[in-house]
């Protein structure tokens, strides 16, 4: 089965990061996996098997030691999906539904 792609326009304020993370998780449970985020609030998704992925956003203002920053997340099991306006988007799969 060939994967499909779709873009969704949705706006979140900076203080709504937990709401945004929850929405991205719900999308993954429906089989839509985040591919990228662009301006202004355009989310690109690729279809696939439904998964219970957890998303985390992290604001990074300064890119000093960026490689070490990314390695820290990778070592903890997080995949970097992309970034938008200094916000870094990471995901990991849950174990045991948590």
N, C-alpha and C. Protein backbone atom coordinates (compact mmCIF):
# COMPACT_ATOMS: atom_id res chain seq x y z
N UNK A 1 0.84 -1.18 0.00
CA UNK A 1 0.00 0.00 0.00
C UNK A 1 0.89 1.25 0.00
N UNK A 2 0.62 2.13 -0.91
CA UNK A 2 1.41 3.36 -1.02
C UNK A 2 0.91 4.37 0.00
N UNK A 3 1.85 5.04 0.67
CA UNK A 3 1.45 6.02 1.67
C UNK A 3 0.92 7.29 0.99
N UNK A 4 0.01 7.91 1.67
CA UNK A 4 -0.58 9.17 1.21
C UNK A 4 -0.01 10.29 2.05
N UNK A 5 -0.16 11.50 1.53
CA UNK A 5 0.27 12.67 2.29
C UNK A 5 -0.87 13.67 2.35
N UNK A 6 -0.87 14.45 3.42
CA UNK A 6 -1.84 15.54 3.51
C UNK A 6 -1.26 16.63 4.38
N UNK A 7 -1.74 17.83 4.12
CA UNK A 7 -1.36 19.00 4.90
C UNK A 7 -2.58 19.49 5.65
N UNK A 8 -2.35 19.91 6.88
CA UNK A 8 -3.43 20.46 7.72
C UNK A 8 -2.96 21.80 8.26
N UNK A 9 -3.82 22.79 8.13
CA UNK A 9 -3.55 24.11 8.69
C UNK A 9 -4.18 24.17 10.07
N UNK A 10 -3.35 24.37 11.08
CA UNK A 10 -3.84 24.46 12.46
C UNK A 10 -2.90 25.35 13.24
N UNK A 11 -3.46 26.20 14.05
CA UNK A 11 -2.66 27.16 14.81
C UNK A 11 -2.67 26.83 16.28
N UNK A 12 -1.48 26.84 16.87
CA UNK A 12 -1.30 26.71 18.32
C UNK A 12 -0.44 27.86 18.79
N UNK A 13 -0.78 28.43 19.94
CA UNK A 13 0.08 29.44 20.56
C UNK A 13 1.20 28.73 21.30
N UNK A 14 2.27 29.46 21.57
CA UNK A 14 3.46 28.88 22.21
C UNK A 14 3.12 28.19 23.54
N UNK A 15 2.18 28.73 24.29
CA UNK A 15 1.83 28.14 25.58
C UNK A 15 0.91 26.92 25.45
N UNK A 16 0.53 26.57 24.23
CA UNK A 16 -0.32 25.41 24.00
C UNK A 16 0.48 24.19 23.54
N UNK A 17 1.73 24.10 23.95
CA UNK A 17 2.58 23.01 23.48
C UNK A 17 2.04 21.64 23.89
N UNK A 18 1.47 21.51 25.07
CA UNK A 18 0.92 20.21 25.48
C UNK A 18 -0.29 19.84 24.64
N UNK A 19 -1.10 20.82 24.30
CA UNK A 19 -2.26 20.57 23.43
C UNK A 19 -1.79 20.14 22.03
N UNK A 20 -0.77 20.80 21.53
CA UNK A 20 -0.22 20.45 20.22
C UNK A 20 0.36 19.03 20.24
N UNK A 21 1.09 18.69 21.29
CA UNK A 21 1.64 17.35 21.43
C UNK A 21 0.53 16.30 21.45
N UNK A 22 -0.54 16.59 22.16
CA UNK A 22 -1.68 15.67 22.23
C UNK A 22 -2.36 15.49 20.89
N UNK A 23 -2.50 16.58 20.15
CA UNK A 23 -3.11 16.51 18.82
C UNK A 23 -2.25 15.68 17.87
N UNK A 24 -0.93 15.87 17.91
CA UNK A 24 -0.03 15.07 17.07
C UNK A 24 -0.11 13.60 17.43
N UNK A 25 -0.23 13.30 18.72
CA UNK A 25 -0.38 11.90 19.15
C UNK A 25 -1.67 11.31 18.63
N UNK A 26 -2.76 12.07 18.71
CA UNK A 26 -4.05 11.61 18.18
C UNK A 26 -3.96 11.35 16.68
N UNK A 27 -3.25 12.21 15.95
CA UNK A 27 -3.08 12.02 14.51
C UNK A 27 -2.33 10.71 14.25
N UNK A 28 -1.29 10.43 15.02
CA UNK A 28 -0.52 9.19 14.84
C UNK A 28 -1.39 7.97 15.14
N UNK A 29 -2.25 8.06 16.12
CA UNK A 29 -3.16 6.96 16.44
C UNK A 29 -4.13 6.69 15.30
N UNK A 30 -4.39 7.72 14.49
CA UNK A 30 -5.26 7.59 13.32
C UNK A 30 -4.47 7.18 12.07
N UNK A 31 -3.15 7.02 12.21
CA UNK A 31 -2.32 6.60 11.08
C UNK A 31 -1.73 7.75 10.29
N UNK A 32 -1.73 8.96 10.85
CA UNK A 32 -1.12 10.12 10.19
C UNK A 32 0.08 10.56 11.00
N UNK A 33 1.27 10.41 10.38
CA UNK A 33 2.53 10.64 11.09
C UNK A 33 3.19 11.92 10.59
N UNK A 34 3.55 12.76 11.54
CA UNK A 34 4.13 14.06 11.22
C UNK A 34 5.38 13.91 10.37
N UNK A 35 5.41 14.66 9.29
CA UNK A 35 6.56 14.68 8.40
C UNK A 35 7.32 15.99 8.56
N UNK A 36 6.58 17.12 8.66
CA UNK A 36 7.22 18.43 8.83
C UNK A 36 6.18 19.45 9.28
N UNK A 37 6.69 20.58 9.77
CA UNK A 37 5.85 21.70 10.18
C UNK A 37 6.38 22.94 9.46
N UNK A 38 5.48 23.74 8.92
CA UNK A 38 5.90 24.94 8.20
C UNK A 38 5.04 26.13 8.58
N UNK A 39 5.36 27.25 8.00
CA UNK A 39 4.67 28.50 8.28
C UNK A 39 3.45 28.63 7.40
N UNK A 40 2.38 29.15 7.85
CA UNK A 40 2.02 29.43 9.25
C UNK A 40 1.13 28.32 9.79
N UNK A 41 1.67 27.44 10.55
CA UNK A 41 0.90 26.35 11.14
C UNK A 41 0.45 25.30 10.15
N UNK A 42 1.28 25.00 9.16
CA UNK A 42 0.96 23.95 8.19
C UNK A 42 1.71 22.69 8.60
N UNK A 43 0.97 21.67 8.91
CA UNK A 43 1.52 20.38 9.32
C UNK A 43 1.40 19.41 8.16
N UNK A 44 2.50 18.77 7.79
CA UNK A 44 2.51 17.76 6.73
C UNK A 44 2.58 16.38 7.37
N UNK A 45 1.70 15.51 6.91
CA UNK A 45 1.61 14.16 7.45
C UNK A 45 1.75 13.14 6.34
N UNK A 46 2.23 11.96 6.71
CA UNK A 46 2.30 10.80 5.83
C UNK A 46 1.46 9.71 6.47
N UNK A 47 0.69 9.01 5.65
CA UNK A 47 -0.15 7.93 6.19
C UNK A 47 0.69 6.69 6.44
N UNK A 48 0.22 5.90 7.38
CA UNK A 48 0.90 4.65 7.72
C UNK A 48 0.06 3.89 8.72
N UNK A 49 0.64 2.87 9.29
CA UNK A 49 -0.05 2.09 10.31
C UNK A 49 -0.30 2.97 11.53
N UNK A 50 -1.47 2.88 12.14
CA UNK A 50 -1.70 3.63 13.37
C UNK A 50 -0.68 3.23 14.44
N UNK A 51 -0.14 4.22 15.13
CA UNK A 51 0.84 4.00 16.20
C UNK A 51 0.51 4.94 17.35
N UNK A 52 0.96 4.56 18.51
CA UNK A 52 0.80 5.42 19.67
C UNK A 52 2.12 6.14 19.92
N UNK A 53 2.41 7.13 19.09
CA UNK A 53 3.64 7.92 19.23
C UNK A 53 3.40 9.08 20.18
N UNK A 54 4.39 9.34 21.01
CA UNK A 54 4.35 10.50 21.90
C UNK A 54 5.22 11.58 21.26
N UNK A 55 4.71 12.79 21.22
CA UNK A 55 5.45 13.92 20.66
C UNK A 55 5.84 14.86 21.79
N UNK A 56 7.01 15.47 21.65
CA UNK A 56 7.46 16.49 22.58
C UNK A 56 8.04 17.64 21.78
N UNK A 57 7.71 18.84 22.22
CA UNK A 57 8.25 20.05 21.62
C UNK A 57 9.23 20.66 22.60
N UNK A 58 10.30 21.19 22.06
CA UNK A 58 11.32 21.83 22.90
C UNK A 58 11.77 23.10 22.19
N UNK A 59 11.77 24.19 22.91
CA UNK A 59 12.17 25.48 22.33
C UNK A 59 13.68 25.64 22.50
N UNK A 60 14.36 25.86 21.38
CA UNK A 60 15.81 26.00 21.40
C UNK A 60 16.18 27.32 20.74
N UNK A 61 16.58 28.28 21.56
CA UNK A 61 16.89 29.60 21.03
C UNK A 61 18.30 29.68 20.46
N UNK A 62 19.24 29.05 21.14
CA UNK A 62 20.64 29.13 20.73
C UNK A 62 21.12 27.75 20.27
N UNK A 63 21.79 27.71 19.14
CA UNK A 63 22.23 26.44 18.56
C UNK A 63 23.64 26.03 18.98
N UNK A 64 24.11 26.59 20.05
CA UNK A 64 25.41 26.21 20.58
C UNK A 64 25.35 24.73 20.98
N UNK A 65 26.33 23.96 20.55
CA UNK A 65 26.38 22.52 20.85
C UNK A 65 25.14 21.78 20.34
N UNK A 66 24.66 22.16 19.16
CA UNK A 66 23.44 21.57 18.59
C UNK A 66 23.58 20.06 18.42
N UNK A 67 24.73 19.60 17.98
CA UNK A 67 24.93 18.16 17.78
C UNK A 67 24.79 17.40 19.10
N UNK A 68 25.33 17.96 20.18
CA UNK A 68 25.20 17.32 21.50
C UNK A 68 23.75 17.35 21.98
N UNK A 69 23.08 18.45 21.71
CA UNK A 69 21.66 18.59 22.05
C UNK A 69 20.85 17.47 21.39
N UNK A 70 21.05 17.29 20.09
CA UNK A 70 20.32 16.25 19.36
C UNK A 70 20.71 14.86 19.84
N UNK A 71 21.97 14.66 20.15
CA UNK A 71 22.43 13.35 20.62
C UNK A 71 21.78 13.00 21.96
N UNK A 72 21.59 13.98 22.81
CA UNK A 72 20.94 13.75 24.10
C UNK A 72 19.54 13.17 23.90
N UNK A 73 18.78 13.77 22.99
CA UNK A 73 17.42 13.26 22.71
C UNK A 73 17.48 11.88 22.07
N UNK A 74 18.40 11.70 21.12
CA UNK A 74 18.52 10.42 20.44
C UNK A 74 18.88 9.31 21.44
N UNK A 75 19.80 9.60 22.34
CA UNK A 75 20.20 8.62 23.35
C UNK A 75 19.03 8.24 24.26
N UNK A 76 18.10 9.16 24.44
CA UNK A 76 16.92 8.91 25.27
C UNK A 76 15.78 8.26 24.48
N UNK A 77 16.02 7.97 23.19
CA UNK A 77 15.01 7.27 22.40
C UNK A 77 14.07 8.15 21.61
N UNK A 78 14.41 9.44 21.46
CA UNK A 78 13.56 10.37 20.72
C UNK A 78 14.09 10.59 19.32
N UNK A 79 13.18 10.59 18.36
CA UNK A 79 13.49 10.87 16.96
C UNK A 79 13.14 12.33 16.68
N UNK A 80 14.05 13.07 16.12
CA UNK A 80 13.76 14.47 15.75
C UNK A 80 13.00 14.46 14.42
N UNK A 81 11.80 15.03 14.43
CA UNK A 81 10.97 15.06 13.24
C UNK A 81 11.26 16.32 12.44
N UNK A 82 11.52 17.43 13.11
CA UNK A 82 11.80 18.68 12.42
C UNK A 82 11.76 19.85 13.38
N UNK A 83 11.67 21.04 12.79
CA UNK A 83 11.61 22.23 13.61
C UNK A 83 10.82 23.32 12.90
N UNK A 84 10.31 24.22 13.70
CA UNK A 84 9.63 25.39 13.18
C UNK A 84 9.83 26.54 14.15
N UNK A 85 10.41 27.62 13.67
CA UNK A 85 10.56 28.84 14.46
C UNK A 85 11.20 28.57 15.83
N UNK A 86 12.31 27.84 15.84
CA UNK A 86 13.07 27.47 17.03
C UNK A 86 12.43 26.36 17.87
N UNK A 87 11.25 25.91 17.51
CA UNK A 87 10.63 24.78 18.20
C UNK A 87 11.11 23.50 17.55
N UNK A 88 11.63 22.60 18.37
CA UNK A 88 12.10 21.30 17.90
C UNK A 88 11.00 20.28 18.16
N UNK A 89 10.74 19.44 17.17
CA UNK A 89 9.69 18.42 17.26
C UNK A 89 10.34 17.04 17.34
N UNK A 90 10.01 16.32 18.41
CA UNK A 90 10.55 14.99 18.64
C UNK A 90 9.39 14.02 18.85
N UNK A 91 9.65 12.74 18.54
CA UNK A 91 8.66 11.71 18.82
C UNK A 91 9.35 10.43 19.24
N UNK A 92 8.59 9.62 19.96
CA UNK A 92 9.01 8.29 20.36
C UNK A 92 7.77 7.41 20.45
N UNK A 93 7.96 6.14 20.29
CA UNK A 93 6.82 5.21 20.41
C UNK A 93 6.65 4.83 21.86
N UNK A 94 5.40 4.67 22.24
CA UNK A 94 5.13 4.29 23.62
C UNK A 94 5.34 2.79 23.78
N UNK A 95 5.53 2.41 25.00
CA UNK A 95 5.58 0.99 25.34
C UNK A 95 4.52 0.77 26.41
N UNK A 96 3.65 -0.15 26.16
CA UNK A 96 2.60 -0.44 27.13
C UNK A 96 1.48 0.58 27.15
N UNK A 97 1.34 1.40 26.10
CA UNK A 97 0.22 2.33 26.00
C UNK A 97 0.33 3.55 26.88
N UNK A 98 1.52 3.87 27.38
CA UNK A 98 1.66 5.04 28.25
C UNK A 98 2.37 6.16 27.55
